[in-house]
């Protein structure tokens, strides 16, 4: 059975998931750069930074799960 093209609601969900994935990956990269102080001896709030990195990782996992779910659902149809 040939695969059907993504239906409009699924396509919007894919776009939304990809936007979340892209934004979260960019944010994760930005947060990780903060682990290196801009100048020697500058304070880094590692507890806050750790929470931000965890949130980014969660958002990346959430977007990836959405994409897997959509792909799996489309393959079954």
C-alpha atoms as a PDB file:
ATOM      1  CA  UNK A   1       0.000   0.000   0.000  1.00  0.00           C
ATOM      2  CA  UNK A   2       1.587   3.299  -1.015  1.00  0.00           C
ATOM      3  CA  UNK A   3       2.056   5.749   1.798  1.00  0.00           C
ATOM      4  CA  UNK A   4      -0.360   8.640   1.858  1.00  0.00           C
ATOM      5  CA  UNK A   5       0.900  12.208   2.071  1.00  0.00           C
ATOM      6  CA  UNK A   6       0.690  13.811   5.474  1.00  0.00           C
ATOM      7  CA  UNK A   7      -2.747  15.148   6.175  1.00  0.00           C
ATOM      8  CA  UNK A   8      -3.061  18.835   7.032  1.00  0.00           C
ATOM      9  CA  UNK A   9      -3.403  18.445  10.854  1.00  0.00           C
ATOM     10  CA  UNK A  10      -0.444  16.049  10.908  1.00  0.00           C
ATOM     11  CA  UNK A  11       1.610  18.410   8.755  1.00  0.00           C
ATOM     12  CA  UNK A  12       0.944  21.297  11.159  1.00  0.00           C
ATOM     13  CA  UNK A  13       1.924  19.085  14.088  1.00  0.00           C
ATOM     14  CA  UNK A  14       5.159  18.148  12.304  1.00  0.00           C
ATOM     15  CA  UNK A  15       5.933  21.814  11.676  1.00  0.00           C
ATOM     16  CA  UNK A  16       5.159  22.686  15.284  1.00  0.00           C
ATOM     17  CA  UNK A  17       7.332  19.830  16.569  1.00  0.00           C
ATOM     18  CA  UNK A  18      10.205  20.833  14.291  1.00  0.00           C
ATOM     19  CA  UNK A  19       9.961  24.445  15.485  1.00  0.00           C
ATOM     20  CA  UNK A  20      10.079  23.266  19.111  1.00  0.00           C
ATOM     21  CA  UNK A  21      12.996  20.953  18.338  1.00  0.00           C
ATOM     22  CA  UNK A  22      14.943  23.678  16.556  1.00  0.00           C
ATOM     23  CA  UNK A  23      14.276  26.352  19.203  1.00  0.00           C
ATOM     24  CA  UNK A  24      15.128  23.982  22.048  1.00  0.00           C
ATOM     25  CA  UNK A  25      18.356  22.830  20.408  1.00  0.00           C
ATOM     26  CA  UNK A  26      19.386  26.449  19.820  1.00  0.00           C
ATOM     27  CA  UNK A  27      18.532  27.307  23.432  1.00  0.00           C
ATOM     28  CA  UNK A  28      20.449  24.265  24.709  1.00  0.00           C
ATOM     29  CA  UNK A  29      23.507  25.371  22.758  1.00  0.00           C
ATOM     30  CA  UNK A  30      23.175  28.869  24.207  1.00  0.00           C
ATOM     31  CA  UNK A  31      22.787  27.569  27.777  1.00  0.00           C
ATOM     32  CA  UNK A  32      25.805  25.280  27.412  1.00  0.00           C
ATOM     33  CA  UNK A  33      27.942  28.194  26.271  1.00  0.00           C
ATOM     34  CA  UNK A  34      27.174  29.884  29.599  1.00  0.00           C
ATOM     35  CA  UNK A  35      29.189  27.221  31.431  1.00  0.00           C
ATOM     36  CA  UNK A  36      32.316  29.058  30.323  1.00  0.00           C
ATOM     37  CA  UNK A  37      32.446  32.396  32.167  1.00  0.00           C
ATOM     38  CA  UNK A  38      32.850  35.428  29.889  1.00  0.00           C
ATOM     39  CA  UNK A  39      35.889  36.430  31.932  1.00  0.00           C
ATOM     40  CA  UNK A  40      38.085  34.573  34.420  1.00  0.00           C
ATOM     41  CA  UNK A  41      36.615  34.583  37.904  1.00  0.00           C
ATOM     42  CA  UNK A  42      33.096  35.570  36.773  1.00  0.00           C
ATOM     43  CA  UNK A  43      30.338  33.846  38.724  1.00  0.00           C
ATOM     44  CA  UNK A  44      28.238  31.189  37.020  1.00  0.00           C
ATOM     45  CA  UNK A  45      24.946  30.071  38.584  1.00  0.00           C
ATOM     46  CA  UNK A  46      25.352  26.357  37.859  1.00  0.00           C
ATOM     47  CA  UNK A  47      22.136  25.416  39.650  1.00  0.00           C
ATOM     48  CA  UNK A  48      20.048  27.687  37.424  1.00  0.00           C
ATOM     49  CA  UNK A  49      22.061  26.663  34.387  1.00  0.00           C
ATOM     50  CA  UNK A  50      21.470  22.989  35.151  1.00  0.00           C
ATOM     51  CA  UNK A  51      17.711  23.583  35.392  1.00  0.00           C
ATOM     52  CA  UNK A  52      17.740  25.419  32.060  1.00  0.00           C
ATOM     53  CA  UNK A  53      19.653  22.588  30.373  1.00  0.00           C
ATOM     54  CA  UNK A  54      17.244  20.012  31.825  1.00  0.00           C
ATOM     55  CA  UNK A  55      14.277  22.004  30.485  1.00  0.00           C
ATOM     56  CA  UNK A  56      15.876  22.216  27.037  1.00  0.00           C
ATOM     57  CA  UNK A  57      16.548  18.475  27.021  1.00  0.00           C
ATOM     58  CA  UNK A  58      12.948  17.824  28.053  1.00  0.00           C
ATOM     59  CA  UNK A  59      11.627  20.022  25.233  1.00  0.00           C
ATOM     60  CA  UNK A  60      13.894  18.266  22.715  1.00  0.00           C
ATOM     61  CA  UNK A  61      12.667  14.860  23.889  1.00  0.00           C
ATOM     62  CA  UNK A  62       9.052  16.037  23.741  1.00  0.00           C
ATOM     63  CA  UNK A  63       9.432  17.283  20.156  1.00  0.00           C
ATOM     64  CA  UNK A  64      11.209  14.081  19.116  1.00  0.00           C
ATOM     65  CA  UNK A  65       8.439  11.969  20.658  1.00  0.00           C
ATOM     66  CA  UNK A  66       5.804  13.983  18.787  1.00  0.00           C
ATOM     67  CA  UNK A  67       7.639  13.369  15.513  1.00  0.00           C
ATOM     68  CA  UNK A  68       7.987   9.644  16.188  1.00  0.00           C
ATOM     69  CA  UNK A  69       4.296   9.413  17.088  1.00  0.00           C
ATOM     70  CA  UNK A  70       3.233  11.182  13.888  1.00  0.00           C
ATOM     71  CA  UNK A  71       5.550   9.092  11.729  1.00  0.00           C
ATOM     72  CA  UNK A  72       4.366   5.856  13.318  1.00  0.00           C
ATOM     73  CA  UNK A  73       0.720   6.842  12.933  1.00  0.00           C
ATOM     74  CA  UNK A  74       1.226   7.773   9.261  1.00  0.00           C
ATOM     75  CA  UNK A  75       2.955   4.454   8.510  1.00  0.00           C
ATOM     76  CA  UNK A  76       0.010   2.520   9.961  1.00  0.00           C
ATOM     77  CA  UNK A  77      -2.500   4.294   7.708  1.00  0.00           C
END
